[in-house]
């Protein structure tokens, strides 16, 4: 499916060329609409590092062991505790001469 910049589908007729190359006639204003390249799958992580577990895709969570779930929950709790304990930093500095 080929669309122009305005999102209108552009119809064209493919013209056979007198060469052995396989080509298609494409309008100059056409752009690619979708990406059909497959995603690179991330390998399944079998360790118990909480930081690494948070990076893993959600689909991997179905295969996690109890130890991995404990490490993941502990890391989340630690991160939330550290975030709530952060005190605000001064945003202004006034110097009087």
PDB file of N, CA and C in Angstrom:
ATOM      1  N   UNK A   1       0.851  -1.168   0.000  1.00  0.00           N
ATOM      2  CA  UNK A   1       0.000   0.000   0.000  1.00  0.00           C
ATOM      3  C   UNK A   1       0.897   1.231   0.000  1.00  0.00           C
ATOM      4  N   UNK A   2       0.657   2.105  -0.931  1.00  0.00           N
ATOM      5  CA  UNK A   2       1.471   3.304  -1.037  1.00  0.00           C
ATOM      6  C   UNK A   2       0.566   4.509  -0.934  1.00  0.00           C
ATOM      7  N   UNK A   3       0.973   5.477  -0.118  1.00  0.00           N
ATOM      8  CA  UNK A   3       0.205   6.701   0.086  1.00  0.00           C
ATOM      9  C   UNK A   3       1.108   7.907  -0.119  1.00  0.00           C
ATOM     10  N   UNK A   4       0.487   9.003  -0.524  1.00  0.00           N
ATOM     11  CA  UNK A   4       1.290  10.218  -0.675  1.00  0.00           C
ATOM     12  C   UNK A   4       1.357  10.947   0.660  1.00  0.00           C
ATOM     13  N   UNK A   5       1.961  12.135   0.681  1.00  0.00           N
ATOM     14  CA  UNK A   5       2.162  12.862   1.936  1.00  0.00           C
ATOM     15  C   UNK A   5       0.852  13.263   2.609  1.00  0.00           C
ATOM     16  N   UNK A   6      -0.199  13.402   1.859  1.00  0.00           N
ATOM     17  CA  UNK A   6      -1.489  13.802   2.406  1.00  0.00           C
ATOM     18  C   UNK A   6      -2.286  12.611   2.923  1.00  0.00           C
ATOM     19  N   UNK A   7      -1.768  11.404   2.792  1.00  0.00           N
ATOM     20  CA  UNK A   7      -2.456  10.219   3.263  1.00  0.00           C
ATOM     21  C   UNK A   7      -3.406   9.622   2.248  1.00  0.00           C
ATOM     22  N   UNK A   8      -3.376  10.123   1.028  1.00  0.00           N
ATOM     23  CA  UNK A   8      -4.262   9.615  -0.022  1.00  0.00           C
ATOM     24  C   UNK A   8      -3.577   8.455  -0.726  1.00  0.00           C
ATOM     25  N   UNK A   9      -4.343   7.383  -0.915  1.00  0.00           N
ATOM     26  CA  UNK A   9      -3.773   6.240  -1.620  1.00  0.00           C
ATOM     27  C   UNK A   9      -3.542   6.609  -3.082  1.00  0.00           C
ATOM     28  N   UNK A  10      -2.348   6.284  -3.562  1.00  0.00           N
ATOM     29  CA  UNK A  10      -1.975   6.634  -4.916  1.00  0.00           C
ATOM     30  C   UNK A  10      -2.070   5.381  -5.782  1.00  0.00           C
ATOM     31  N   UNK A  11      -2.836   5.470  -6.849  1.00  0.00           N
ATOM     32  CA  UNK A  11      -2.968   4.352  -7.772  1.00  0.00           C
ATOM     33  C   UNK A  11      -1.973   4.550  -8.914  1.00  0.00           C
ATOM     34  N   UNK A  12      -1.342   3.492  -9.304  1.00  0.00           N
ATOM     35  CA  UNK A  12      -0.402   3.566 -10.417  1.00  0.00           C
ATOM     36  C   UNK A  12      -0.437   2.247 -11.151  1.00  0.00           C
ATOM     37  N   UNK A  13       0.025   2.287 -12.374  1.00  0.00           N
ATOM     38  CA  UNK A  13       0.075   1.094 -13.208  1.00  0.00           C
ATOM     39  C   UNK A  13       1.529   0.712 -13.378  1.00  0.00           C
ATOM     40  N   UNK A  14       1.840  -0.518 -13.062  1.00  0.00           N
ATOM     41  CA  UNK A  14       3.206  -0.992 -13.212  1.00  0.00           C
ATOM     42  C   UNK A  14       3.498  -1.193 -14.695  1.00  0.00           C
ATOM     43  N   UNK A  15       4.601  -0.633 -15.141  1.00  0.00           N
ATOM     44  CA  UNK A  15       4.977  -0.717 -16.549  1.00  0.00           C
ATOM     45  C   UNK A  15       6.116  -1.713 -16.691  1.00  0.00           C
ATOM     46  N   UNK A  16       5.947  -2.753 -17.479  1.00  0.00           N
ATOM     47  CA  UNK A  16       7.034  -3.703 -17.655  1.00  0.00           C
ATOM     48  C   UNK A  16       8.210  -3.065 -18.405  1.00  0.00           C
ATOM     49  N   UNK A  17       9.393  -3.271 -17.897  1.00  0.00           N
ATOM     50  CA  UNK A  17      10.594  -2.719 -18.516  1.00  0.00           C
ATOM     51  C   UNK A  17      11.268  -3.802 -19.356  1.00  0.00           C
ATOM     52  N   UNK A  18      12.004  -3.393 -20.362  1.00  0.00           N
ATOM     53  CA  UNK A  18      12.627  -4.381 -21.259  1.00  0.00           C
ATOM     54  C   UNK A  18      13.939  -4.941 -20.711  1.00  0.00           C
ATOM     55  N   UNK A  19      14.068  -5.061 -19.383  1.00  0.00           N
ATOM     56  CA  UNK A  19      15.285  -5.614 -18.807  1.00  0.00           C
ATOM     57  C   UNK A  19      14.928  -6.839 -17.986  1.00  0.00           C
ATOM     58  N   UNK A  20      15.915  -7.499 -17.443  1.00  0.00           N
ATOM     59  CA  UNK A  20      15.698  -8.680 -16.611  1.00  0.00           C
ATOM     60  C   UNK A  20      15.454  -8.310 -15.151  1.00  0.00           C
ATOM     61  N   UNK A  21      15.577  -7.020 -14.806  1.00  0.00           N
ATOM     62  CA  UNK A  21      15.407  -6.593 -13.425  1.00  0.00           C
ATOM     63  C   UNK A  21      13.930  -6.549 -13.051  1.00  0.00           C
ATOM     64  N   UNK A  22      13.648  -6.864 -11.800  1.00  0.00           N
ATOM     65  CA  UNK A  22      12.288  -6.776 -11.295  1.00  0.00           C
ATOM     66  C   UNK A  22      12.117  -5.404 -10.664  1.00  0.00           C
ATOM     67  N   UNK A  23      11.256  -4.584 -11.250  1.00  0.00           N
ATOM     68  CA  UNK A  23      11.059  -3.230 -10.741  1.00  0.00           C
ATOM     69  C   UNK A  23       9.567  -2.934 -10.672  1.00  0.00           C
ATOM     70  N   UNK A  24       9.218  -1.916  -9.893  1.00  0.00           N
ATOM     71  CA  UNK A  24       7.846  -1.437  -9.811  1.00  0.00           C
ATOM     72  C   UNK A  24       7.852   0.062  -9.996  1.00  0.00           C
ATOM     73  N   UNK A  25       6.814   0.561 -10.660  1.00  0.00           N
ATOM     74  CA  UNK A  25       6.684   2.004 -10.826  1.00  0.00           C
ATOM     75  C   UNK A  25       6.121   2.582  -9.529  1.00  0.00           C
ATOM     76  N   UNK A  26       6.826   3.527  -8.944  1.00  0.00           N
ATOM     77  CA  UNK A  26       6.395   4.138  -7.700  1.00  0.00           C
ATOM     78  C   UNK A  26       6.375   5.646  -7.890  1.00  0.00           C
ATOM     79  N   UNK A  27       5.258   6.301  -7.505  1.00  0.00           N
ATOM     80  CA  UNK A  27       5.216   7.763  -7.634  1.00  0.00           C
ATOM     81  C   UNK A  27       6.309   8.420  -6.780  1.00  0.00           C
ATOM     82  N   UNK A  28       6.775   9.570  -7.203  1.00  0.00           N
ATOM     83  CA  UNK A  28       7.845  10.252  -6.483  1.00  0.00           C
ATOM     84  C   UNK A  28       7.404  10.723  -5.108  1.00  0.00           C
ATOM     85  N   UNK A  29       6.096  11.015  -4.937  1.00  0.00           N
ATOM     86  CA  UNK A  29       5.607  11.502  -3.663  1.00  0.00           C
ATOM     87  C   UNK A  29       5.235  10.377  -2.702  1.00  0.00           C
ATOM     88  N   UNK A  30       5.412   9.156  -3.100  1.00  0.00           N
ATOM     89  CA  UNK A  30       5.012   8.022  -2.256  1.00  0.00           C
ATOM     90  C   UNK A  30       5.996   7.834  -1.110  1.00  0.00           C
ATOM     91  N   UNK A  31       5.471   7.278  -0.028  1.00  0.00           N
ATOM     92  CA  UNK A  31       6.318   6.936   1.114  1.00  0.00           C
ATOM     93  C   UNK A  31       5.856   5.585   1.656  1.00  0.00           C
ATOM     94  N   UNK A  32       6.724   4.930   2.374  1.00  0.00           N
ATOM     95  CA  UNK A  32       6.407   3.633   2.940  1.00  0.00           C
ATOM     96  C   UNK A  32       5.474   3.817   4.131  1.00  0.00           C
ATOM     97  N   UNK A  33       4.388   3.055   4.179  1.00  0.00           N
ATOM     98  CA  UNK A  33       3.389   3.222   5.230  1.00  0.00           C
ATOM     99  C   UNK A  33       3.699   2.358   6.434  1.00  0.00           C
ATOM    100  N   UNK A  34       4.149   1.154   6.235  1.00  0.00           N
ATOM    101  CA  UNK A  34       4.369   0.249   7.359  1.00  0.00           C
ATOM    102  C   UNK A  34       5.766  -0.327   7.358  1.00  0.00           C
ATOM    103  N   UNK A  35       6.128  -0.887   8.507  1.00  0.00           N
ATOM    104  CA  UNK A  35       7.430  -1.537   8.635  1.00  0.00           C
ATOM    105  C   UNK A  35       7.179  -3.026   8.810  1.00  0.00           C
ATOM    106  N   UNK A  36       7.630  -3.810   7.881  1.00  0.00           N
ATOM    107  CA  UNK A  36       7.370  -5.241   7.937  1.00  0.00           C
ATOM    108  C   UNK A  36       8.570  -6.042   8.430  1.00  0.00           C
ATOM    109  N   UNK A  37       9.583  -5.362   8.909  1.00  0.00           N
ATOM    110  CA  UNK A  37      10.755  -6.065   9.417  1.00  0.00           C
ATOM    111  C   UNK A  37      10.411  -6.701  10.762  1.00  0.00           C
ATOM    112  N   UNK A  38      10.765  -7.953  10.960  1.00  0.00           N
ATOM    113  CA  UNK A  38      10.442  -8.589  12.250  1.00  0.00           C
ATOM    114  C   UNK A  38      11.281  -8.005  13.374  1.00  0.00           C
ATOM    115  N   UNK A  39      10.701  -7.990  14.565  1.00  0.00           N
ATOM    116  CA  UNK A  39      11.433  -7.496  15.723  1.00  0.00           C
ATOM    117  C   UNK A  39      12.466  -8.521  16.156  1.00  0.00           C
ATOM    118  N   UNK A  40      13.534  -8.015  16.703  1.00  0.00           N
ATOM    119  CA  UNK A  40      14.561  -8.902  17.229  1.00  0.00           C
ATOM    120  C   UNK A  40      14.129  -9.321  18.631  1.00  0.00           C
ATOM    121  N   UNK A  41      13.938 -10.605  18.823  1.00  0.00           N
ATOM    122  CA  UNK A  41      13.498 -11.098  20.118  1.00  0.00           C
ATOM    123  C   UNK A  41      14.630 -11.059  21.128  1.00  0.00           C
ATOM    124  N   UNK A  42      14.286 -10.637  22.344  1.00  0.00           N
ATOM    125  CA  UNK A  42      15.253 -10.574  23.429  1.00  0.00           C
ATOM    126  C   UNK A  42      15.357 -11.972  24.045  1.00  0.00           C
ATOM    127  N   UNK A  43      16.556 -12.485  24.275  1.00  0.00           N
ATOM    128  CA  UNK A  43      16.682 -13.814  24.877  1.00  0.00           C
ATOM    129  C   UNK A  43      16.131 -13.826  26.297  1.00  0.00           C
ATOM    130  N   UNK A  44      15.617 -14.966  26.712  1.00  0.00           N
ATOM    131  CA  UNK A  44      15.034 -15.102  28.039  1.00  0.00           C
ATOM    132  C   UNK A  44      16.125 -15.007  29.098  1.00  0.00           C
ATOM    133  N   UNK A  45      15.905 -14.155  30.103  1.00  0.00           N
ATOM    134  CA  UNK A  45      16.878 -13.930  31.183  1.00  0.00           C
ATOM    135  C   UNK A  45      16.549 -14.855  32.339  1.00  0.00           C
ATOM    136  N   UNK A  46      17.539 -15.613  32.795  1.00  0.00           N
ATOM    137  CA  UNK A  46      17.275 -16.577  33.867  1.00  0.00           C
ATOM    138  C   UNK A  46      17.921 -16.188  35.195  1.00  0.00           C
ATOM    139  N   UNK A  47      18.502 -14.982  35.275  1.00  0.00           N
ATOM    140  CA  UNK A  47      19.119 -14.534  36.518  1.00  0.00           C
ATOM    141  C   UNK A  47      18.106 -13.880  37.460  1.00  0.00           C
ATOM    142  N   UNK A  48      18.613 -13.338  38.575  1.00  0.00           N
ATOM    143  CA  UNK A  48      17.734 -12.709  39.562  1.00  0.00           C
ATOM    144  C   UNK A  48      18.125 -11.265  39.845  1.00  0.00           C
ATOM    145  N   UNK A  49      18.737 -10.592  38.885  1.00  0.00           N
ATOM    146  CA  UNK A  49      19.084  -9.183  39.045  1.00  0.00           C
ATOM    147  C   UNK A  49      17.843  -8.341  38.768  1.00  0.00           C
ATOM    148  N   UNK A  50      17.397  -7.577  39.767  1.00  0.00           N
ATOM    149  CA  UNK A  50      16.160  -6.802  39.643  1.00  0.00           C
ATOM    150  C   UNK A  50      16.205  -5.773  38.536  1.00  0.00           C
ATOM    151  N   UNK A  51      17.349  -5.101  38.371  1.00  0.00           N
ATOM    152  CA  UNK A  51      17.469  -4.085  37.330  1.00  0.00           C
ATOM    153  C   UNK A  51      17.343  -4.715  35.947  1.00  0.00           C
ATOM    154  N   UNK A  52      17.915  -5.874  35.771  1.00  0.00           N
ATOM    155  CA  UNK A  52      17.827  -6.578  34.491  1.00  0.00           C
ATOM    156  C   UNK A  52      16.407  -7.090  34.245  1.00  0.00           C
ATOM    157  N   UNK A  53      15.738  -7.509  35.302  1.00  0.00           N
ATOM    158  CA  UNK A  53      14.373  -8.032  35.149  1.00  0.00           C
ATOM    159  C   UNK A  53      13.390  -6.936  34.734  1.00  0.00           C
ATOM    160  N   UNK A  54      13.627  -5.698  35.151  1.00  0.00           N
ATOM    161  CA  UNK A  54      12.718  -4.622  34.760  1.00  0.00           C
ATOM    162  C   UNK A  54      12.843  -4.287  33.276  1.00  0.00           C
ATOM    163  N   UNK A  55      13.991  -4.580  32.676  1.00  0.00           N
ATOM    164  CA  UNK A  55      14.219  -4.305  31.257  1.00  0.00           C
ATOM    165  C   UNK A  55      13.540  -5.355  30.376  1.00  0.00           C
ATOM    166  N   UNK A  56      13.329  -6.545  30.909  1.00  0.00           N
ATOM    167  CA  UNK A  56      12.781  -7.646  30.124  1.00  0.00           C
ATOM    168  C   UNK A  56      11.364  -7.341  29.650  1.00  0.00           C
ATOM    169  N   UNK A  57      10.977  -7.880  28.486  1.00  0.00           N
ATOM    170  CA  UNK A  57       9.609  -7.675  27.995  1.00  0.00           C
ATOM    171  C   UNK A  57       8.577  -8.304  28.930  1.00  0.00           C
ATOM    172  N   UNK A  58       7.374  -7.751  28.935  1.00  0.00           N
ATOM    173  CA  UNK A  58       6.319  -8.264  29.813  1.00  0.00           C
ATOM    174  C   UNK A  58       5.952  -9.705  29.476  1.00  0.00           C
ATOM    175  N   UNK A  59       6.127 -10.105  28.239  1.00  0.00           N
ATOM    176  CA  UNK A  59       5.771 -11.477  27.862  1.00  0.00           C
ATOM    177  C   UNK A  59       6.667 -12.503  28.544  1.00  0.00           C
ATOM    178  N   UNK A  60       7.857 -12.091  28.976  1.00  0.00           N
ATOM    179  CA  UNK A  60       8.765 -13.023  29.659  1.00  0.00           C
ATOM    180  C   UNK A  60       8.307 -13.317  31.084  1.00  0.00           C
ATOM    181  N   UNK A  61       7.455 -12.459  31.630  1.00  0.00           N
ATOM    182  CA  UNK A  61       7.048 -12.630  33.028  1.00  0.00           C
ATOM    183  C   UNK A  61       6.273 -13.926  33.243  1.00  0.00           C
ATOM    184  N   UNK A  62       5.659 -14.449  32.211  1.00  0.00           N
ATOM    185  CA  UNK A  62       4.931 -15.709  32.335  1.00  0.00           C
ATOM    186  C   UNK A  62       5.869 -16.862  32.688  1.00  0.00           C
ATOM    187  N   UNK A  63       7.119 -16.736  32.301  1.00  0.00           N
ATOM    188  CA  UNK A  63       8.084 -17.817  32.489  1.00  0.00           C
ATOM    189  C   UNK A  63       8.998 -17.606  33.694  1.00  0.00           C
ATOM    190  N   UNK A  64       8.809 -16.536  34.454  1.00  0.00           N
ATOM    191  CA  UNK A  64       9.690 -16.249  35.585  1.00  0.00           C
ATOM    192  C   UNK A  64       9.476 -17.259  36.703  1.00  0.00           C
ATOM    193  N   UNK A  65      10.560 -17.521  37.418  1.00  0.00           N
ATOM    194  CA  UNK A  65      10.501 -18.383  38.593  1.00  0.00           C
ATOM    195  C   UNK A  65      10.117 -17.540  39.808  1.00  0.00           C
ATOM    196  N   UNK A  66       9.872 -18.221  40.930  1.00  0.00           N
ATOM    197  CA  UNK A  66       9.524 -17.500  42.159  1.00  0.00           C
ATOM    198  C   UNK A  66      10.654 -16.578  42.600  1.00  0.00           C
ATOM    199  N   UNK A  67      11.896 -17.035  42.440  1.00  0.00           N
ATOM    200  CA  UNK A  67      13.052 -16.215  42.833  1.00  0.00           C
ATOM    201  C   UNK A  67      13.120 -14.944  41.997  1.00  0.00           C
ATOM    202  N   UNK A  68      12.816 -15.058  40.705  1.00  0.00           N
ATOM    203  CA  UNK A  68      12.842 -13.883  39.844  1.00  0.00           C
ATOM    204  C   UNK A  68      11.738 -12.900  40.233  1.00  0.00           C
ATOM    205  N   UNK A  69      10.554 -13.405  40.576  1.00  0.00           N
ATOM    206  CA  UNK A  69       9.477 -12.527  41.005  1.00  0.00           C
ATOM    207  C   UNK A  69       9.831 -11.804  42.299  1.00  0.00           C
ATOM    208  N   UNK A  70      10.451 -12.513  43.230  1.00  0.00           N
ATOM    209  CA  UNK A  70      10.854 -11.888  44.494  1.00  0.00           C
ATOM    210  C   UNK A  70      11.874 -10.789  44.230  1.00  0.00           C
ATOM    211  N   UNK A  71      12.866 -11.081  43.379  1.00  0.00           N
ATOM    212  CA  UNK A  71      13.891 -10.080  43.060  1.00  0.00           C
ATOM    213  C   UNK A  71      13.267  -8.873  42.360  1.00  0.00           C
ATOM    214  N   UNK A  72      12.319  -9.122  41.459  1.00  0.00           N
ATOM    215  CA  UNK A  72      11.650  -8.036  40.737  1.00  0.00           C
ATOM    216  C   UNK A  72      10.858  -7.158  41.699  1.00  0.00           C
ATOM    217  N   UNK A  73      10.085  -7.756  42.603  1.00  0.00           N
ATOM    218  CA  UNK A  73       9.287  -6.996  43.575  1.00  0.00           C
ATOM    219  C   UNK A  73      10.181  -6.212  44.534  1.00  0.00           C
ATOM    220  N   UNK A  74      11.278  -6.829  44.988  1.00  0.00           N
ATOM    221  CA  UNK A  74      12.204  -6.134  45.895  1.00  0.00           C
ATOM    222  C   UNK A  74      12.831  -4.923  45.197  1.00  0.00           C
ATOM    223  N   UNK A  75      13.203  -5.092  43.939  1.00  0.00           N
ATOM    224  CA  UNK A  75      13.811  -3.987  43.198  1.00  0.00           C
ATOM    225  C   UNK A  75      12.795  -2.854  43.013  1.00  0.00           C
ATOM    226  N   UNK A  76      11.541  -3.198  42.670  1.00  0.00           N
ATOM    227  CA  UNK A  76      10.507  -2.176  42.526  1.00  0.00           C
ATOM    228  C   UNK A  76      10.276  -1.441  43.842  1.00  0.00           C
ATOM    229  N   UNK A  77      10.225  -2.174  44.948  1.00  0.00           N
ATOM    230  CA  UNK A  77      10.007  -1.557  46.259  1.00  0.00           C
ATOM    231  C   UNK A  77      11.172  -0.647  46.621  1.00  0.00           C
ATOM    232  N   UNK A  78      12.394  -1.118  46.381  1.00  0.00           N
ATOM    233  CA  UNK A  78      13.579  -0.314  46.664  1.00  0.00           C
ATOM    234  C   UNK A  78      13.571   0.974  45.837  1.00  0.00           C
ATOM    235  N   UNK A  79      13.232   0.871  44.551  1.00  0.00           N
ATOM    236  CA  UNK A  79      13.182   2.054  43.692  1.00  0.00           C
ATOM    237  C   UNK A  79      12.115   3.041  44.166  1.00  0.00           C
ATOM    238  N   UNK A  80      10.943   2.531  44.545  1.00  0.00           N
ATOM    239  CA  UNK A  80       9.885   3.438  44.993  1.00  0.00           C
ATOM    240  C   UNK A  80      10.245   4.079  46.338  1.00  0.00           C
ATOM    241  N   UNK A  81      10.904   3.328  47.235  1.00  0.00           N
ATOM    242  CA  UNK A  81      11.337   3.903  48.510  1.00  0.00           C
ATOM    243  C   UNK A  81      12.376   4.994  48.299  1.00  0.00           C
ATOM    244  N   UNK A  82      13.311   4.747  47.388  1.00  0.00           N
ATOM    245  CA  UNK A  82      14.345   5.743  47.107  1.00  0.00           C
ATOM    246  C   UNK A  82      13.736   6.980  46.463  1.00  0.00           C
ATOM    247  N   UNK A  83      12.729   6.795  45.608  1.00  0.00           N
ATOM    248  CA  UNK A  83      12.105   7.938  44.941  1.00  0.00           C
ATOM    249  C   UNK A  83      11.297   8.771  45.934  1.00  0.00           C
ATOM    250  N   UNK A  84      10.644   8.112  46.897  1.00  0.00           N
ATOM    251  CA  UNK A  84       9.848   8.867  47.861  1.00  0.00           C
ATOM    252  C   UNK A  84      10.724   9.546  48.908  1.00  0.00           C
ATOM    253  N   UNK A  85      11.933   9.027  49.142  1.00  0.00           N
ATOM    254  CA  UNK A  85      12.834   9.616  50.128  1.00  0.00           C
ATOM    255  C   UNK A  85      13.640  10.783  49.560  1.00  0.00           C
ATOM    256  N   UNK A  86      13.591  10.972  48.246  1.00  0.00           N
ATOM    257  CA  UNK A  86      14.326  12.078  47.643  1.00  0.00           C
ATOM    258  C   UNK A  86      13.734  13.404  48.091  1.00  0.00           C
ATOM    259  N   UNK A  87      14.585  14.258  48.596  1.00  0.00           N
ATOM    260  CA  UNK A  87      14.122  15.573  49.009  1.00  0.00           C
ATOM    261  C   UNK A  87      14.308  16.541  47.848  1.00  0.00           C
ATOM    262  N   UNK A  88      13.424  17.523  47.743  1.00  0.00           N
ATOM    263  CA  UNK A  88      13.532  18.461  46.629  1.00  0.00           C
ATOM    264  C   UNK A  88      14.830  19.268  46.719  1.00  0.00           C
ATOM    265  N   UNK A  89      15.361  19.578  45.584  1.00  0.00           N
ATOM    266  CA  UNK A  89      16.584  20.362  45.500  1.00  0.00           C
ATOM    267  C   UNK A  89      16.202  21.808  45.204  1.00  0.00           C
ATOM    268  N   UNK A  90      16.952  22.731  45.742  1.00  0.00           N
ATOM    269  CA  UNK A  90      16.659  24.151  45.549  1.00  0.00           C
ATOM    270  C   UNK A  90      16.687  24.476  44.059  1.00  0.00           C
ATOM    271  N   UNK A  91      15.695  25.244  43.649  1.00  0.00           N
ATOM    272  CA  UNK A  91      15.628  25.615  42.234  1.00  0.00           C
ATOM    273  C   UNK A  91      16.119  27.026  41.991  1.00  0.00           C
ATOM    274  N   UNK A  92      16.313  27.782  43.052  1.00  0.00           N
ATOM    275  CA  UNK A  92      16.816  29.149  42.915  1.00  0.00           C
ATOM    276  C   UNK A  92      17.960  29.387  43.883  1.00  0.00           C
ATOM    277  N   UNK A  93      18.835  30.244  43.459  1.00  0.00           N
ATOM    278  CA  UNK A  93      19.939  30.642  44.320  1.00  0.00           C
ATOM    279  C   UNK A  93      20.031  32.161  44.222  1.00  0.00           C
ATOM    280  N   UNK A  94      19.777  32.842  45.336  1.00  0.00           N
ATOM    281  CA  UNK A  94      19.787  34.305  45.366  1.00  0.00           C
ATOM    282  C   UNK A  94      21.024  34.769  46.125  1.00  0.00           C
ATOM    283  N   UNK A  95      21.819  35.564  45.461  1.00  0.00           N
ATOM    284  CA  UNK A  95      23.033  36.101  46.087  1.00  0.00           C
ATOM    285  C   UNK A  95      22.876  37.606  46.198  1.00  0.00           C
ATOM    286  N   UNK A  96      22.960  38.099  47.436  1.00  0.00           N
ATOM    287  CA  UNK A  96      22.876  39.547  47.646  1.00  0.00           C
ATOM    288  C   UNK A  96      24.280  40.105  47.827  1.00  0.00           C
ATOM    289  N   UNK A  97      24.541  41.187  47.176  1.00  0.00           N
ATOM    290  CA  UNK A  97      25.883  41.778  47.302  1.00  0.00           C
ATOM    291  C   UNK A  97      25.902  42.877  48.346  1.00  0.00           C
TER     292      UNK A  97
END
